[in-house]
């Protein structure tokens, strides 16, 4: 009887260890991003904003983030000759494991955004993940 109980415990331990390692080894990912002006999680992704918009917010849905992971966000304005000019950079270092939402806002100068075409690049642990273009009219 004791051998059967020990065998069952060993099998259960192996099953739980396999499940743990399967989920632990899953890569961190940015599931989606959404640009919005009101910051609510149910807002629609916008590609165009008014220069009078009070705040432009990017909402990121993160999954399986690992402790010590790093997210880099680079906001660019396209110049007249189609070059990119860096206007803001955000670096977020993860301090815990988990999933959730992250909100980052684009800073405006003098209470108003400058009209033009913009690009936001998002890197996860040094690897380019998402590019999103938008305009401010």
N, C-alpha and C. Protein backbone atom coordinates (compact mmCIF):
# COMPACT_ATOMS: atom_id res chain seq x y z
N UNK A 1 0.81 -1.20 0.00
CA UNK A 1 0.00 0.00 0.00
C UNK A 1 0.85 1.26 0.00
N UNK A 2 1.93 1.29 0.78
CA UNK A 2 2.81 2.45 0.85
C UNK A 2 3.50 2.72 -0.47
N UNK A 3 3.81 1.68 -1.23
CA UNK A 3 4.47 1.86 -2.53
C UNK A 3 3.50 2.53 -3.51
N UNK A 4 2.21 2.16 -3.46
CA UNK A 4 1.23 2.78 -4.34
C UNK A 4 1.07 4.27 -4.02
N UNK A 5 1.01 4.60 -2.75
CA UNK A 5 0.86 6.01 -2.34
C UNK A 5 2.10 6.80 -2.77
N UNK A 6 3.27 6.25 -2.56
CA UNK A 6 4.51 6.92 -2.96
C UNK A 6 4.54 7.12 -4.47
N UNK A 7 4.14 6.13 -5.25
CA UNK A 7 4.11 6.24 -6.71
C UNK A 7 3.14 7.32 -7.16
N UNK A 8 1.96 7.37 -6.52
CA UNK A 8 0.97 8.39 -6.86
C UNK A 8 1.51 9.78 -6.54
N UNK A 9 2.16 9.95 -5.39
CA UNK A 9 2.74 11.24 -5.02
C UNK A 9 3.84 11.67 -5.99
N UNK A 10 4.65 10.74 -6.42
CA UNK A 10 5.72 11.05 -7.38
C UNK A 10 5.12 11.50 -8.71
N UNK A 11 4.09 10.78 -9.19
CA UNK A 11 3.44 11.13 -10.46
C UNK A 11 2.79 12.51 -10.35
N UNK A 12 2.07 12.77 -9.24
CA UNK A 12 1.45 14.08 -9.06
C UNK A 12 2.50 15.19 -9.01
N UNK A 13 3.59 14.95 -8.33
CA UNK A 13 4.68 15.93 -8.25
C UNK A 13 5.24 16.22 -9.64
N UNK A 14 5.44 15.19 -10.44
CA UNK A 14 5.94 15.38 -11.80
C UNK A 14 4.95 16.16 -12.66
N UNK A 15 3.67 15.88 -12.51
CA UNK A 15 2.65 16.61 -13.28
C UNK A 15 2.66 18.08 -12.91
N UNK A 16 2.65 18.40 -11.61
CA UNK A 16 2.65 19.80 -11.19
C UNK A 16 3.94 20.51 -11.59
N UNK A 17 5.08 19.81 -11.51
CA UNK A 17 6.35 20.41 -11.93
C UNK A 17 6.33 20.70 -13.43
N UNK A 18 5.78 19.80 -14.23
CA UNK A 18 5.68 20.02 -15.68
C UNK A 18 4.81 21.22 -15.99
N UNK A 19 3.67 21.33 -15.31
CA UNK A 19 2.77 22.47 -15.52
C UNK A 19 3.47 23.77 -15.15
N UNK A 20 4.16 23.78 -14.01
CA UNK A 20 4.88 24.98 -13.57
C UNK A 20 5.93 25.40 -14.59
N UNK A 21 6.76 24.45 -15.04
CA UNK A 21 7.81 24.80 -15.99
C UNK A 21 7.25 25.21 -17.33
N UNK A 22 6.12 24.64 -17.75
CA UNK A 22 5.49 25.04 -19.01
C UNK A 22 5.08 26.51 -18.95
N UNK A 23 4.41 26.91 -17.88
CA UNK A 23 3.96 28.29 -17.77
C UNK A 23 5.11 29.24 -17.48
N UNK A 24 6.11 28.79 -16.76
CA UNK A 24 7.25 29.64 -16.44
C UNK A 24 8.07 29.94 -17.69
N UNK A 25 8.18 29.00 -18.59
CA UNK A 25 8.98 29.16 -19.80
C UNK A 25 8.25 29.91 -20.91
N UNK A 26 6.96 30.20 -20.75
CA UNK A 26 6.23 30.96 -21.76
C UNK A 26 6.87 32.34 -21.89
N UNK A 27 7.06 32.81 -23.12
CA UNK A 27 7.71 34.11 -23.29
C UNK A 27 6.81 35.28 -22.90
N UNK A 28 7.44 36.34 -22.43
CA UNK A 28 6.72 37.58 -22.17
C UNK A 28 6.25 38.13 -23.51
N UNK A 29 5.10 38.79 -23.49
CA UNK A 29 4.63 39.38 -24.74
C UNK A 29 3.77 40.61 -24.49
N UNK A 30 3.77 41.46 -25.51
CA UNK A 30 2.85 42.59 -25.54
C UNK A 30 1.71 42.14 -26.43
N UNK A 31 0.56 41.88 -25.83
CA UNK A 31 -0.57 41.34 -26.59
C UNK A 31 -1.17 42.38 -27.53
N UNK A 32 -1.29 43.61 -27.07
CA UNK A 32 -1.87 44.65 -27.91
C UNK A 32 -1.52 46.01 -27.35
N UNK A 33 -1.64 47.03 -28.22
CA UNK A 33 -1.55 48.41 -27.76
C UNK A 33 -2.75 49.17 -28.31
N UNK A 34 -3.10 50.22 -27.63
CA UNK A 34 -4.22 51.05 -28.06
C UNK A 34 -3.86 52.51 -27.76
N UNK A 35 -4.01 53.36 -28.75
CA UNK A 35 -3.83 54.79 -28.55
C UNK A 35 -5.21 55.40 -28.32
N UNK A 36 -5.33 56.19 -27.29
CA UNK A 36 -6.61 56.77 -26.93
C UNK A 36 -6.39 58.15 -26.33
N UNK A 37 -7.46 58.91 -26.20
CA UNK A 37 -7.34 60.21 -25.55
C UNK A 37 -7.99 60.24 -24.18
N UNK A 38 -8.72 59.20 -23.82
CA UNK A 38 -9.36 59.23 -22.51
C UNK A 38 -8.78 58.22 -21.53
N UNK A 39 -7.98 57.27 -22.01
CA UNK A 39 -7.29 56.35 -21.12
C UNK A 39 -8.09 55.21 -20.56
N UNK A 40 -9.33 55.04 -20.98
CA UNK A 40 -10.12 53.92 -20.47
C UNK A 40 -9.77 52.65 -21.23
N UNK A 41 -9.84 51.52 -20.56
CA UNK A 41 -9.47 50.25 -21.17
C UNK A 41 -10.44 49.84 -22.28
N UNK A 42 -11.62 50.44 -22.34
CA UNK A 42 -12.61 50.07 -23.35
C UNK A 42 -12.64 51.06 -24.50
N UNK A 43 -11.73 52.04 -24.48
CA UNK A 43 -11.71 53.04 -25.55
C UNK A 43 -11.28 52.40 -26.87
N UNK A 44 -11.64 53.04 -27.97
CA UNK A 44 -11.27 52.53 -29.28
C UNK A 44 -9.89 53.06 -29.66
N UNK A 45 -9.12 52.23 -30.37
CA UNK A 45 -7.81 52.62 -30.85
C UNK A 45 -7.96 53.75 -31.88
N UNK A 46 -7.25 54.84 -31.65
CA UNK A 46 -7.35 55.99 -32.55
C UNK A 46 -6.07 56.12 -33.35
N UNK A 47 -6.20 56.59 -34.58
CA UNK A 47 -5.05 56.83 -35.44
C UNK A 47 -4.86 58.32 -35.70
N UNK A 48 -5.84 59.13 -35.27
CA UNK A 48 -5.78 60.56 -35.50
C UNK A 48 -6.30 61.31 -34.27
N UNK A 49 -5.58 62.39 -33.92
CA UNK A 49 -5.94 63.19 -32.75
C UNK A 49 -5.94 64.67 -33.13
N UNK A 50 -6.68 65.45 -32.38
CA UNK A 50 -6.67 66.90 -32.54
C UNK A 50 -5.48 67.46 -31.78
N UNK A 51 -4.95 68.59 -32.26
CA UNK A 51 -3.83 69.22 -31.53
C UNK A 51 -4.30 69.78 -30.19
N UNK A 52 -5.61 69.86 -30.00
CA UNK A 52 -6.18 70.34 -28.73
C UNK A 52 -6.50 69.20 -27.76
N UNK A 53 -6.19 67.97 -28.17
CA UNK A 53 -6.41 66.83 -27.28
C UNK A 53 -5.65 67.06 -25.98
N UNK A 54 -6.30 66.84 -24.87
CA UNK A 54 -5.66 67.10 -23.57
C UNK A 54 -4.55 66.11 -23.25
N UNK A 55 -4.76 64.83 -23.65
CA UNK A 55 -3.75 63.81 -23.33
C UNK A 55 -3.88 62.65 -24.31
N UNK A 56 -2.75 62.23 -24.87
CA UNK A 56 -2.71 61.04 -25.72
C UNK A 56 -2.09 59.93 -24.88
N UNK A 57 -2.82 58.85 -24.73
CA UNK A 57 -2.41 57.76 -23.85
C UNK A 57 -2.31 56.47 -24.65
N UNK A 58 -1.23 55.73 -24.42
CA UNK A 58 -1.08 54.40 -24.99
C UNK A 58 -1.34 53.38 -23.88
N UNK A 59 -2.25 52.46 -24.17
CA UNK A 59 -2.55 51.38 -23.22
C UNK A 59 -1.97 50.10 -23.80
N UNK A 60 -1.12 49.43 -23.05
CA UNK A 60 -0.53 48.16 -23.48
C UNK A 60 -1.08 47.02 -22.65
N UNK A 61 -1.45 45.94 -23.32
CA UNK A 61 -1.83 44.73 -22.62
C UNK A 61 -0.61 43.81 -22.61
N UNK A 62 -0.13 43.51 -21.40
CA UNK A 62 1.08 42.72 -21.22
C UNK A 62 0.72 41.33 -20.71
N UNK A 63 1.47 40.33 -21.16
CA UNK A 63 1.20 38.96 -20.75
C UNK A 63 2.49 38.25 -20.37
N UNK A 64 2.43 37.55 -19.26
CA UNK A 64 3.52 36.70 -18.78
C UNK A 64 4.84 37.47 -18.63
N UNK A 65 4.75 38.68 -18.15
CA UNK A 65 5.95 39.48 -17.96
C UNK A 65 6.80 38.88 -16.85
N UNK A 66 8.09 38.86 -17.08
CA UNK A 66 9.03 38.31 -16.12
C UNK A 66 9.69 39.43 -15.32
N UNK A 67 10.06 39.09 -14.09
CA UNK A 67 10.79 40.02 -13.25
C UNK A 67 12.08 40.41 -13.98
N UNK A 68 12.45 41.67 -13.91
CA UNK A 68 13.63 42.23 -14.56
C UNK A 68 13.48 42.37 -16.07
N UNK A 69 12.27 42.20 -16.61
CA UNK A 69 12.03 42.47 -18.02
C UNK A 69 12.06 43.98 -18.25
N UNK A 70 12.23 44.38 -19.52
CA UNK A 70 12.34 45.80 -19.81
C UNK A 70 11.52 46.15 -21.06
N UNK A 71 10.74 47.21 -20.96
CA UNK A 71 9.96 47.73 -22.08
C UNK A 71 10.51 49.12 -22.39
N UNK A 72 10.85 49.33 -23.66
CA UNK A 72 11.31 50.64 -24.11
C UNK A 72 10.32 51.17 -25.14
N UNK A 73 9.90 52.41 -24.95
CA UNK A 73 8.94 53.04 -25.84
C UNK A 73 9.59 54.31 -26.39
N UNK A 74 9.68 54.39 -27.71
CA UNK A 74 10.26 55.56 -28.37
C UNK A 74 9.18 56.22 -29.21
N UNK A 75 8.94 57.49 -28.95
CA UNK A 75 7.94 58.28 -29.67
C UNK A 75 8.70 59.19 -30.65
N UNK A 76 8.33 59.12 -31.93
CA UNK A 76 9.00 59.91 -32.96
C UNK A 76 7.99 60.81 -33.68
N UNK A 77 8.48 61.97 -34.10
CA UNK A 77 7.71 62.83 -35.01
C UNK A 77 8.43 62.77 -36.35
N UNK A 78 7.64 62.57 -37.42
CA UNK A 78 8.22 62.55 -38.76
C UNK A 78 8.44 63.99 -39.22
N UNK A 79 9.64 64.26 -39.72
CA UNK A 79 9.96 65.59 -40.22
C UNK A 79 9.48 65.73 -41.66
N UNK A 80 9.58 66.94 -42.20
CA UNK A 80 9.13 67.20 -43.58
C UNK A 80 9.88 66.35 -44.61
N UNK A 81 11.14 66.04 -44.33
CA UNK A 81 11.91 65.21 -45.27
C UNK A 81 11.81 63.72 -44.92
N UNK A 82 10.75 63.34 -44.18
CA UNK A 82 10.42 61.95 -43.85
C UNK A 82 11.44 61.27 -42.94
N UNK A 83 12.19 62.04 -42.19
CA UNK A 83 13.10 61.48 -41.19
C UNK A 83 12.37 61.45 -39.86
N UNK A 84 12.89 60.67 -38.93
CA UNK A 84 12.27 60.55 -37.61
C UNK A 84 13.06 61.35 -36.58
N UNK A 85 12.33 62.11 -35.79
CA UNK A 85 12.93 62.90 -34.72
C UNK A 85 12.38 62.39 -33.38
N UNK A 86 13.27 61.88 -32.53
CA UNK A 86 12.86 61.35 -31.22
C UNK A 86 12.34 62.49 -30.35
N UNK A 87 11.11 62.35 -29.85
CA UNK A 87 10.55 63.41 -29.00
C UNK A 87 10.34 62.95 -27.56
N UNK A 88 10.26 61.63 -27.34
CA UNK A 88 10.07 61.13 -25.98
C UNK A 88 10.51 59.68 -25.93
N UNK A 89 11.08 59.30 -24.80
CA UNK A 89 11.46 57.90 -24.60
C UNK A 89 11.05 57.49 -23.19
N UNK A 90 10.42 56.32 -23.08
CA UNK A 90 10.02 55.78 -21.79
C UNK A 90 10.69 54.42 -21.63
N UNK A 91 11.28 54.18 -20.47
CA UNK A 91 11.89 52.88 -20.16
C UNK A 91 11.26 52.38 -18.88
N UNK A 92 10.66 51.19 -18.98
CA UNK A 92 9.98 50.59 -17.83
C UNK A 92 10.67 49.29 -17.50
N UNK A 93 11.15 49.17 -16.27
CA UNK A 93 11.78 47.93 -15.81
C UNK A 93 10.79 47.21 -14.92
N UNK A 94 10.49 45.98 -15.30
CA UNK A 94 9.50 45.20 -14.56
C UNK A 94 10.10 44.73 -13.23
N UNK A 95 9.34 44.84 -12.16
CA UNK A 95 9.84 44.44 -10.84
C UNK A 95 9.17 43.18 -10.32
N UNK A 96 8.22 42.63 -11.09
CA UNK A 96 7.50 41.46 -10.63
C UNK A 96 7.02 40.65 -11.83
N UNK A 97 6.68 39.40 -11.62
CA UNK A 97 6.10 38.55 -12.66
C UNK A 97 4.61 38.83 -12.76
N UNK A 98 4.05 38.69 -13.97
CA UNK A 98 2.60 38.82 -14.09
C UNK A 98 2.14 39.39 -15.41
N UNK A 99 0.84 39.60 -15.50
CA UNK A 99 0.18 40.15 -16.68
C UNK A 99 -0.65 41.34 -16.25
N UNK A 100 -1.02 42.19 -17.20
CA UNK A 100 -1.85 43.33 -16.87
C UNK A 100 -1.79 44.40 -17.93
N UNK A 101 -2.18 45.61 -17.54
CA UNK A 101 -2.21 46.76 -18.45
C UNK A 101 -1.23 47.82 -17.96
N UNK A 102 -0.64 48.52 -18.92
CA UNK A 102 0.28 49.61 -18.62
C UNK A 102 -0.16 50.82 -19.43
N UNK A 103 -0.26 51.98 -18.79
CA UNK A 103 -0.66 53.21 -19.47
C UNK A 103 0.50 54.19 -19.47
N UNK A 104 0.80 54.72 -20.66
CA UNK A 104 1.87 55.70 -20.83
C UNK A 104 1.31 56.86 -21.63
N UNK A 105 1.58 58.09 -21.20
CA UNK A 105 1.07 59.24 -21.95
C UNK A 105 2.20 59.96 -22.67
N UNK A 106 1.85 60.52 -23.81
CA UNK A 106 2.77 61.35 -24.59
C UNK A 106 2.69 62.76 -24.03
N UNK A 107 3.83 63.29 -23.64
CA UNK A 107 3.87 64.64 -23.07
C UNK A 107 3.62 65.67 -24.16
N UNK A 108 2.91 66.73 -23.80
CA UNK A 108 2.71 67.83 -24.76
C UNK A 108 3.44 69.07 -24.23
N UNK A 109 3.81 69.93 -25.16
CA UNK A 109 4.54 71.15 -24.79
C UNK A 109 3.59 72.35 -24.85
N UNK A 110 3.65 73.17 -23.86
CA UNK A 110 2.83 74.39 -23.79
C UNK A 110 1.35 74.09 -23.88
N UNK A 111 0.92 72.95 -23.37
CA UNK A 111 -0.49 72.60 -23.33
C UNK A 111 -1.10 72.21 -24.67
N UNK A 112 -0.26 71.96 -25.67
CA UNK A 112 -0.77 71.65 -27.00
C UNK A 112 0.20 70.70 -27.71
N UNK A 113 -0.35 69.77 -28.48
CA UNK A 113 0.49 68.88 -29.28
C UNK A 113 0.79 69.53 -30.62
N UNK A 114 1.98 69.26 -31.15
CA UNK A 114 2.38 69.79 -32.45
C UNK A 114 1.77 68.93 -33.56
N UNK A 115 1.17 69.56 -34.56
CA UNK A 115 0.55 68.83 -35.67
C UNK A 115 1.62 68.08 -36.47
N UNK A 116 1.25 66.91 -36.99
CA UNK A 116 2.17 66.15 -37.82
C UNK A 116 1.91 64.66 -37.73
N UNK A 117 2.80 63.90 -38.36
CA UNK A 117 2.74 62.44 -38.36
C UNK A 117 3.71 61.90 -37.32
N UNK A 118 3.28 60.89 -36.60
CA UNK A 118 4.06 60.35 -35.50
C UNK A 118 4.18 58.83 -35.63
N UNK A 119 5.19 58.30 -34.95
CA UNK A 119 5.42 56.86 -34.91
C UNK A 119 5.85 56.50 -33.49
N UNK A 120 5.27 55.45 -32.95
CA UNK A 120 5.70 54.95 -31.65
C UNK A 120 6.25 53.54 -31.86
N UNK A 121 7.46 53.29 -31.35
CA UNK A 121 8.13 51.99 -31.45
C UNK A 121 8.23 51.40 -30.05
N UNK A 122 7.84 50.13 -29.93
CA UNK A 122 7.87 49.48 -28.62
C UNK A 122 8.80 48.27 -28.70
N UNK A 123 9.73 48.23 -27.76
CA UNK A 123 10.70 47.15 -27.67
C UNK A 123 10.47 46.39 -26.37
N UNK A 124 10.50 45.08 -26.44
CA UNK A 124 10.39 44.23 -25.26
C UNK A 124 11.69 43.46 -25.12
N UNK A 125 12.41 43.72 -24.03
CA UNK A 125 13.70 43.08 -23.76
C UNK A 125 14.65 43.22 -24.95
N UNK A 126 14.68 44.43 -25.55
CA UNK A 126 15.60 44.73 -26.64
C UNK A 126 15.14 44.32 -28.03
N UNK A 127 14.00 43.66 -28.14
CA UNK A 127 13.50 43.20 -29.43
C UNK A 127 12.31 44.06 -29.85
N UNK A 128 12.36 44.58 -31.10
CA UNK A 128 11.26 45.42 -31.59
C UNK A 128 10.00 44.58 -31.70
N UNK A 129 8.94 45.02 -31.05
CA UNK A 129 7.68 44.28 -31.01
C UNK A 129 6.59 44.92 -31.85
N UNK A 130 6.38 46.22 -31.68
CA UNK A 130 5.22 46.88 -32.30
C UNK A 130 5.63 48.27 -32.81
N UNK A 131 5.14 48.61 -33.99
CA UNK A 131 5.21 49.96 -34.54
C UNK A 131 3.79 50.46 -34.74
N UNK A 132 3.51 51.68 -34.31
CA UNK A 132 2.15 52.23 -34.48
C UNK A 132 2.29 53.67 -34.97
N UNK A 133 1.66 53.97 -36.09
CA UNK A 133 1.65 55.33 -36.62
C UNK A 133 0.36 56.03 -36.23
N UNK A 134 0.44 57.35 -36.04
CA UNK A 134 -0.75 58.16 -35.78
C UNK A 134 -0.47 59.59 -36.21
N UNK A 135 -1.52 60.37 -36.34
CA UNK A 135 -1.37 61.78 -36.74
C UNK A 135 -2.02 62.69 -35.71
N UNK A 136 -1.52 63.91 -35.68
CA UNK A 136 -2.13 64.96 -34.88
C UNK A 136 -2.43 66.10 -35.84
N UNK A 137 -3.72 66.47 -35.92
CA UNK A 137 -4.17 67.52 -36.86
C UNK A 137 -4.43 68.82 -36.14
